Protein backbone atom coordinates (compact mmCIF):
# COMPACT_ATOMS: atom_id res chain seq x y z
CA MET A 1 -141.13 61.26 178.49
CA LEU A 2 -137.42 60.52 178.16
CA LYS A 3 -135.34 63.56 177.20
CA PRO A 4 -131.78 62.30 177.19
CA THR A 5 -128.89 64.62 177.96
CA LYS A 6 -126.07 62.06 177.84
CA ILE A 7 -126.15 59.25 175.28
CA LEU A 8 -123.62 56.42 175.28
CA VAL A 9 -122.87 54.60 172.02
CA PRO A 10 -120.55 51.60 172.23
CA THR A 11 -118.84 50.90 168.92
CA ASP A 12 -116.90 48.04 167.38
CA PHE A 13 -116.69 49.93 164.07
CA SER A 14 -119.09 47.54 162.34
CA GLU A 15 -121.88 48.64 160.02
CA TYR A 16 -124.25 47.86 162.89
CA SER A 17 -122.39 50.27 165.15
CA ASP A 18 -122.63 52.90 162.40
CA LYS A 19 -126.40 52.57 162.48
CA ALA A 20 -126.48 52.92 166.27
CA LEU A 21 -124.20 55.96 166.11
CA LYS A 22 -126.37 57.61 163.47
CA GLN A 23 -129.46 57.01 165.61
CA ALA A 24 -127.73 58.43 168.70
CA ILE A 25 -126.57 61.54 166.82
CA ASP A 26 -130.10 62.13 165.51
CA ILE A 27 -131.51 61.84 169.04
CA ALA A 28 -128.75 64.06 170.45
CA LYS A 29 -129.48 66.75 167.88
CA GLN A 30 -133.18 66.63 168.68
CA TYR A 31 -132.67 66.92 172.46
CA ASN A 32 -129.43 68.92 172.52
CA ALA A 33 -127.73 65.98 174.23
CA GLU A 34 -124.08 64.96 174.38
CA VAL A 35 -122.93 61.74 172.70
CA TYR A 36 -120.28 59.56 174.32
CA VAL A 37 -118.72 57.09 171.89
CA LEU A 38 -116.93 54.18 173.55
CA ASN A 39 -114.75 51.42 172.15
CA VAL A 40 -113.75 48.56 174.41
CA VAL A 41 -110.56 46.66 173.60
CA ALA A 42 -110.00 43.18 174.97
CA PRO A 43 -107.42 43.33 177.75
CA ILE A 44 -103.95 42.74 176.38
CA ASP A 45 -102.37 41.74 179.69
CA LYS A 46 -104.04 38.31 179.63
CA TYR A 47 -101.58 37.39 176.87
CA ILE A 48 -98.55 37.97 179.10
CA ILE A 49 -98.78 34.44 180.48
CA ASP A 50 -100.07 32.84 177.28
CA TYR A 51 -97.28 34.18 175.09
CA CYS A 52 -94.60 35.06 177.66
CA MET A 53 -94.78 38.74 176.73
CA ILE A 54 -93.09 41.29 178.96
CA GLY A 55 -94.93 44.22 180.51
CA ALA A 56 -93.24 46.96 178.46
CA PHE A 57 -94.17 45.18 175.24
CA ILE A 58 -97.77 44.86 176.41
CA LYS A 59 -97.90 48.56 177.33
CA GLY A 60 -96.72 49.43 173.82
CA ILE A 61 -99.44 47.28 172.30
CA GLU A 62 -102.07 48.94 174.52
CA VAL A 63 -100.91 52.44 173.56
CA SER A 64 -101.03 51.48 169.88
CA ALA A 65 -104.46 49.83 170.24
CA LYS A 66 -105.86 52.91 171.98
CA LYS A 67 -104.49 55.27 169.31
CA THR A 68 -105.90 53.08 166.54
CA ALA A 69 -109.31 52.93 168.24
CA ILE A 70 -109.41 56.72 168.66
CA ASP A 71 -108.46 57.22 165.01
CA ASN A 72 -111.17 54.75 163.97
CA MET A 73 -113.79 56.54 166.09
CA LYS A 74 -112.88 59.86 164.48
CA LYS A 75 -113.20 58.28 161.01
CA GLN A 76 -116.52 56.73 162.00
CA LEU A 77 -117.84 60.11 163.18
CA GLU A 78 -116.79 61.73 159.88
CA LYS A 79 -119.41 59.56 158.15
CA PHE A 80 -122.12 61.62 159.87
CA PRO A 81 -122.06 65.37 159.12
CA LEU A 82 -124.66 65.95 161.84
CA ALA A 83 -122.03 64.85 164.40
CA LYS A 84 -120.42 68.28 163.99
CA GLU A 85 -123.59 69.85 165.36
CA VAL A 86 -123.63 67.95 168.67
CA LYS A 87 -121.10 67.60 171.46
CA VAL A 88 -119.25 64.30 171.10
CA SER A 89 -116.74 62.70 173.46
CA ILE A 90 -114.76 59.59 172.62
CA ASP A 91 -113.06 57.11 174.91
CA VAL A 92 -111.34 53.74 174.83
CA ARG A 93 -111.39 51.21 177.66
CA PHE A 94 -109.69 47.86 178.12
CA GLY A 95 -111.70 44.99 179.52
CA LEU A 96 -114.82 42.93 179.06
CA SER A 97 -117.05 44.86 176.64
CA TYR A 98 -120.40 44.83 178.40
CA ASP A 99 -118.80 45.38 181.81
CA GLU A 100 -116.87 48.44 180.61
CA ILE A 101 -119.97 49.84 178.88
CA LEU A 102 -121.97 49.56 182.09
CA LYS A 103 -119.13 51.11 184.14
CA GLU A 104 -118.87 54.02 181.70
CA ALA A 105 -122.63 54.58 181.86
CA GLU A 106 -122.45 54.80 185.66
CA ARG A 107 -119.30 56.95 185.69
CA VAL A 108 -120.62 59.55 183.26
CA GLY A 109 -124.26 59.51 184.37
CA ILE A 110 -125.61 58.28 181.03
CA ASP A 111 -129.37 58.42 180.65
CA LEU A 112 -129.63 56.50 177.34
CA ILE A 113 -127.48 53.78 175.80
CA VAL A 114 -127.84 53.26 172.04
CA ILE A 115 -126.29 49.93 171.10
CA ALA A 116 -126.31 47.73 168.02
CA SER A 117 -128.03 44.38 168.44
CA LEU A 118 -125.25 42.74 166.41
CA GLY A 119 -121.53 43.27 166.22
CA GLN A 120 -118.52 42.12 164.24
CA SER A 121 -118.68 38.50 165.37
CA GLY A 122 -119.83 36.03 162.74
CA LEU A 123 -121.91 34.19 165.32
CA ALA A 124 -123.76 37.42 166.05
CA LYS A 125 -125.56 37.04 162.73
CA TYR A 126 -127.58 34.23 164.27
CA ILE A 127 -128.38 35.51 167.74
CA ILE A 128 -128.65 38.83 169.50
CA GLY A 129 -125.15 39.88 170.44
CA SER A 130 -124.01 38.80 173.87
CA VAL A 131 -122.65 42.29 174.60
CA ALA A 132 -125.97 43.93 173.73
CA ARG A 133 -127.90 41.29 175.67
CA ASN A 134 -125.80 41.79 178.80
CA VAL A 135 -126.01 45.59 178.56
CA LEU A 136 -129.77 45.39 178.05
CA ARG A 137 -130.14 43.09 181.04
CA SER A 138 -127.95 45.08 183.46
CA ALA A 139 -128.17 48.75 182.49
CA LYS A 140 -129.71 51.13 185.00
CA CYS A 141 -130.86 53.51 182.25
CA PRO A 142 -132.97 52.96 179.12
CA VAL A 143 -131.29 51.07 176.29
CA LEU A 144 -132.18 51.56 172.63
CA LEU A 145 -131.28 48.42 170.72
CA THR A 146 -130.74 49.08 166.99
CA LYS A 147 -130.40 46.71 164.07
């Protein structure tokens, strides 16, 4: 039987991510596991060429994006009082969402990923999210898909 010790929850701050986070916190409380909340921001540097932005400006945007994501994760966690009873770590990565989720799972030694089947994208209402699908397909640990 699976008894997770490290649970990864990717978030895009949607209501679907809230449901996944709640599920992960409940599981973490039951098994005394640690929850790792991860937000992946699209890489800003790809806009350097598209919009002729200079590196220092891009770095400033990345710092601001990371701070905003961390603040949003803290606010998201405040919605769940049980989160205060489990160990929670938060992190922000820049890159392709599913790729960064899989890298984080490997890096930390995650033994369960809890991910929402849908995200913020309007198209995601009609099909299983591409991020969730790619994580489900490529993860080396069990994945709990929530809706």
